[in-house]
């Protein structure tokens, strides 16, 4: 009927949907998604002055280093590139070097050069640095 709101799925239907999603998830996809999340958080712990925590950044770098060896193909290369950029950014921050490019632009962790900040993804909090150019499942 036209005026009736759509019926909410039952608990059993929700459980069946979750089960179906879990059947289709590969562990490698979860590893890639986890690596992307850790890279993003680690960049924040390095580059955002009000959130800077180099010990947490070191832990993030070590975590990504451990995950990258479990991933294969092109995405592994993208994770390695992001890891390399993180390590360079961490080294600069550890030496107390400025992490901003000319005219106050944030330094991009993936390029090592000043970059224009794109708008953040809708589900993520706003940030001053662009996310790594790392493919993650569900994002094309």
C-alpha atoms as a PDB file:
ATOM      1  CA  UNK A   1       0.000   0.000   0.000  1.00  0.00           C
ATOM      2  CA  UNK A   2       1.061   3.518  -0.724  1.00  0.00           C
ATOM      3  CA  UNK A   3       0.731   5.125   2.740  1.00  0.00           C
ATOM      4  CA  UNK A   4       2.241   2.234   4.725  1.00  0.00           C
ATOM      5  CA  UNK A   5       5.860   2.584   5.827  1.00  0.00           C
ATOM      6  CA  UNK A   6       8.198  -0.220   4.756  1.00  0.00           C
ATOM      7  CA  UNK A   7       8.248  -3.139   7.175  1.00  0.00           C
ATOM      8  CA  UNK A   8      11.391  -3.479   9.299  1.00  0.00           C
ATOM      9  CA  UNK A   9      13.279  -6.747   8.835  1.00  0.00           C
ATOM     10  CA  UNK A  10      12.886  -9.281  11.621  1.00  0.00           C
ATOM     11  CA  UNK A  11      15.771 -10.284  13.840  1.00  0.00           C
ATOM     12  CA  UNK A  12      15.981 -13.561  11.935  1.00  0.00           C
ATOM     13  CA  UNK A  13      16.166 -11.738   8.578  1.00  0.00           C
ATOM     14  CA  UNK A  14      18.902  -9.450   9.906  1.00  0.00           C
ATOM     15  CA  UNK A  15      20.850 -12.444  11.161  1.00  0.00           C
ATOM     16  CA  UNK A  16      20.531 -14.109   7.745  1.00  0.00           C
ATOM     17  CA  UNK A  17      21.793 -10.939   5.999  1.00  0.00           C
ATOM     18  CA  UNK A  18      24.821 -10.761   8.307  1.00  0.00           C
ATOM     19  CA  UNK A  19      25.553 -14.457   7.746  1.00  0.00           C
ATOM     20  CA  UNK A  20      25.424 -13.927   3.974  1.00  0.00           C
ATOM     21  CA  UNK A  21      27.794 -10.961   4.201  1.00  0.00           C
ATOM     22  CA  UNK A  22      30.242 -12.967   6.330  1.00  0.00           C
ATOM     23  CA  UNK A  23      30.185 -15.796   3.779  1.00  0.00           C
ATOM     24  CA  UNK A  24      31.388 -13.375   1.108  1.00  0.00           C
ATOM     25  CA  UNK A  25      34.111 -11.574   3.092  1.00  0.00           C
ATOM     26  CA  UNK A  26      37.685 -12.661   2.494  1.00  0.00           C
ATOM     27  CA  UNK A  27      40.262 -12.326   5.259  1.00  0.00           C
ATOM     28  CA  UNK A  28      42.544 -10.490   2.828  1.00  0.00           C
ATOM     29  CA  UNK A  29      39.824  -7.864   2.300  1.00  0.00           C
ATOM     30  CA  UNK A  30      39.654  -7.309   6.046  1.00  0.00           C
ATOM     31  CA  UNK A  31      43.457  -7.035   6.230  1.00  0.00           C
ATOM     32  CA  UNK A  32      43.445  -4.379   3.503  1.00  0.00           C
ATOM     33  CA  UNK A  33      40.646  -2.467   5.192  1.00  0.00           C
ATOM     34  CA  UNK A  34      42.469  -2.673   8.528  1.00  0.00           C
ATOM     35  CA  UNK A  35      45.730  -1.475   6.984  1.00  0.00           C
ATOM     36  CA  UNK A  36      43.928   1.502   5.423  1.00  0.00           C
ATOM     37  CA  UNK A  37      42.346   2.420   8.761  1.00  0.00           C
ATOM     38  CA  UNK A  38      45.662   2.111  10.580  1.00  0.00           C
ATOM     39  CA  UNK A  39      47.431   4.241   7.935  1.00  0.00           C
ATOM     40  CA  UNK A  40      44.779   6.959   8.262  1.00  0.00           C
ATOM     41  CA  UNK A  41      44.961   6.989  12.057  1.00  0.00           C
ATOM     42  CA  UNK A  42      48.770   6.930  12.025  1.00  0.00           C
ATOM     43  CA  UNK A  43      48.875   9.955   9.714  1.00  0.00           C
ATOM     44  CA  UNK A  44      46.697  11.810  12.223  1.00  0.00           C
ATOM     45  CA  UNK A  45      48.997  10.792  15.112  1.00  0.00           C
ATOM     46  CA  UNK A  46      51.932  12.224  13.196  1.00  0.00           C
ATOM     47  CA  UNK A  47      50.586  15.251  11.344  1.00  0.00           C
ATOM     48  CA  UNK A  48      47.839  16.765  13.516  1.00  0.00           C
ATOM     49  CA  UNK A  49      49.495  18.881  16.215  1.00  0.00           C
ATOM     50  CA  UNK A  50      46.597  18.476  18.649  1.00  0.00           C
ATOM     51  CA  UNK A  51      46.629  14.672  18.195  1.00  0.00           C
ATOM     52  CA  UNK A  52      50.354  14.064  17.741  1.00  0.00           C
ATOM     53  CA  UNK A  53      51.539  10.936  19.527  1.00  0.00           C
ATOM     54  CA  UNK A  54      54.700   9.561  17.943  1.00  0.00           C
ATOM     55  CA  UNK A  55      54.670   6.425  20.096  1.00  0.00           C
ATOM     56  CA  UNK A  56      51.195   5.560  18.776  1.00  0.00           C
ATOM     57  CA  UNK A  57      52.417   6.404  15.267  1.00  0.00           C
ATOM     58  CA  UNK A  58      55.325   3.978  15.699  1.00  0.00           C
ATOM     59  CA  UNK A  59      52.888   1.229  16.749  1.00  0.00           C
ATOM     60  CA  UNK A  60      50.726   2.019  13.703  1.00  0.00           C
ATOM     61  CA  UNK A  61      53.723   1.794  11.376  1.00  0.00           C
ATOM     62  CA  UNK A  62      54.738  -1.554  12.868  1.00  0.00           C
ATOM     63  CA  UNK A  63      51.167  -2.861  12.512  1.00  0.00           C
ATOM     64  CA  UNK A  64      51.008  -1.905   8.824  1.00  0.00           C
ATOM     65  CA  UNK A  65      54.457  -3.418   8.299  1.00  0.00           C
ATOM     66  CA  UNK A  66      53.137  -6.720   9.683  1.00  0.00           C
ATOM     67  CA  UNK A  67      49.935  -6.655   7.637  1.00  0.00           C
ATOM     68  CA  UNK A  68      51.473  -5.796   4.264  1.00  0.00           C
ATOM     69  CA  UNK A  69      53.257  -9.144   3.991  1.00  0.00           C
ATOM     70  CA  UNK A  70      49.901 -10.930   4.246  1.00  0.00           C
ATOM     71  CA  UNK A  71      48.430  -9.095   1.244  1.00  0.00           C
ATOM     72  CA  UNK A  72      49.243  -9.868  -2.382  1.00  0.00           C
ATOM     73  CA  UNK A  73      49.077  -8.121  -5.721  1.00  0.00           C
ATOM     74  CA  UNK A  74      48.748  -4.474  -6.631  1.00  0.00           C
ATOM     75  CA  UNK A  75      47.131  -3.538  -3.340  1.00  0.00           C
ATOM     76  CA  UNK A  76      50.225  -4.776  -1.466  1.00  0.00           C
ATOM     77  CA  UNK A  77      52.294  -2.308  -3.479  1.00  0.00           C
ATOM     78  CA  UNK A  78      49.879   0.479  -2.574  1.00  0.00           C
ATOM     79  CA  UNK A  79      50.112  -0.410   1.111  1.00  0.00           C
ATOM     80  CA  UNK A  80      53.929  -0.512   0.875  1.00  0.00           C
ATOM     81  CA  UNK A  81      53.945   2.943  -0.740  1.00  0.00           C
ATOM     82  CA  UNK A  82      51.701   4.320   2.007  1.00  0.00           C
ATOM     83  CA  UNK A  83      53.936   2.673   4.625  1.00  0.00           C
ATOM     84  CA  UNK A  84      57.029   4.224   3.084  1.00  0.00           C
ATOM     85  CA  UNK A  85      55.382   7.653   3.115  1.00  0.00           C
ATOM     86  CA  UNK A  86      54.326   7.154   6.740  1.00  0.00           C
ATOM     87  CA  UNK A  87      57.876   6.271   7.712  1.00  0.00           C
ATOM     88  CA  UNK A  88      59.226   9.400   6.029  1.00  0.00           C
ATOM     89  CA  UNK A  89      56.592  11.560   7.706  1.00  0.00           C
ATOM     90  CA  UNK A  90      57.377   9.939  11.059  1.00  0.00           C
ATOM     91  CA  UNK A  91      61.103  10.574  10.606  1.00  0.00           C
ATOM     92  CA  UNK A  92      60.447  14.246   9.833  1.00  0.00           C
ATOM     93  CA  UNK A  93      58.184  14.621  12.860  1.00  0.00           C
ATOM     94  CA  UNK A  94      60.721  12.837  15.092  1.00  0.00           C
ATOM     95  CA  UNK A  95      63.388  15.342  14.050  1.00  0.00           C
ATOM     96  CA  UNK A  96      60.998  18.213  14.734  1.00  0.00           C
ATOM     97  CA  UNK A  97      60.850  19.249  11.083  1.00  0.00           C
ATOM     98  CA  UNK A  98      57.762  21.149   9.933  1.00  0.00           C
ATOM     99  CA  UNK A  99      55.152  18.909   8.367  1.00  0.00           C
ATOM    100  CA  UNK A 100      53.658  21.662   6.223  1.00  0.00           C
ATOM    101  CA  UNK A 101      54.581  22.646   2.703  1.00  0.00           C
ATOM    102  CA  UNK A 102      54.712  26.144   1.246  1.00  0.00           C
ATOM    103  CA  UNK A 103      52.011  28.587   2.319  1.00  0.00           C
ATOM    104  CA  UNK A 104      50.800  26.350   5.158  1.00  0.00           C
ATOM    105  CA  UNK A 105      49.534  23.504   2.963  1.00  0.00           C
ATOM    106  CA  UNK A 106      49.556  20.091   4.594  1.00  0.00           C
ATOM    107  CA  UNK A 107      52.200  17.728   3.323  1.00  0.00           C
ATOM    108  CA  UNK A 108      50.653  14.717   1.694  1.00  0.00           C
ATOM    109  CA  UNK A 109      51.919  11.449   3.202  1.00  0.00           C
ATOM    110  CA  UNK A 110      51.640   9.638  -0.114  1.00  0.00           C
ATOM    111  CA  UNK A 111      53.513  12.113  -2.266  1.00  0.00           C
ATOM    112  CA  UNK A 112      55.891  13.883   0.094  1.00  0.00           C
ATOM    113  CA  UNK A 113      54.816  17.181  -1.480  1.00  0.00           C
ATOM    114  CA  UNK A 114      52.199  19.783  -0.693  1.00  0.00           C
ATOM    115  CA  UNK A 115      48.783  18.646  -1.848  1.00  0.00           C
ATOM    116  CA  UNK A 116      45.295  20.073  -1.948  1.00  0.00           C
ATOM    117  CA  UNK A 117      43.074  18.521   0.695  1.00  0.00           C
ATOM    118  CA  UNK A 118      40.073  16.674  -0.772  1.00  0.00           C
ATOM    119  CA  UNK A 119      36.805  16.562   1.171  1.00  0.00           C
ATOM    120  CA  UNK A 120      36.753  13.683   3.672  1.00  0.00           C
ATOM    121  CA  UNK A 121      34.602  10.616   3.086  1.00  0.00           C
ATOM    122  CA  UNK A 122      31.111  11.070   4.588  1.00  0.00           C
ATOM    123  CA  UNK A 123      31.525   8.468   7.368  1.00  0.00           C
ATOM    124  CA  UNK A 124      34.928   9.747   8.482  1.00  0.00           C
ATOM    125  CA  UNK A 125      35.735  12.728  10.700  1.00  0.00           C
ATOM    126  CA  UNK A 126      37.140  15.800   8.990  1.00  0.00           C
ATOM    127  CA  UNK A 127      40.932  15.892   8.690  1.00  0.00           C
ATOM    128  CA  UNK A 128      43.532  18.306   7.427  1.00  0.00           C
ATOM    129  CA  UNK A 129      45.546  15.809   5.386  1.00  0.00           C
ATOM    130  CA  UNK A 130      44.282  13.747   2.454  1.00  0.00           C
ATOM    131  CA  UNK A 131      43.841  10.005   2.985  1.00  0.00           C
ATOM    132  CA  UNK A 132      46.391   7.669   1.410  1.00  0.00           C
ATOM    133  CA  UNK A 133      45.594   6.622  -2.131  1.00  0.00           C
ATOM    134  CA  UNK A 134      44.976   3.105  -0.943  1.00  0.00           C
ATOM    135  CA  UNK A 135      42.253   0.944  -2.393  1.00  0.00           C
ATOM    136  CA  UNK A 136      39.928  -0.548   0.174  1.00  0.00           C
ATOM    137  CA  UNK A 137      37.018  -2.923  -0.358  1.00  0.00           C
ATOM    138  CA  UNK A 138      33.799  -1.118  -1.186  1.00  0.00           C
ATOM    139  CA  UNK A 139      35.612   1.960  -2.529  1.00  0.00           C
ATOM    140  CA  UNK A 140      36.285   2.165  -6.253  1.00  0.00           C
END
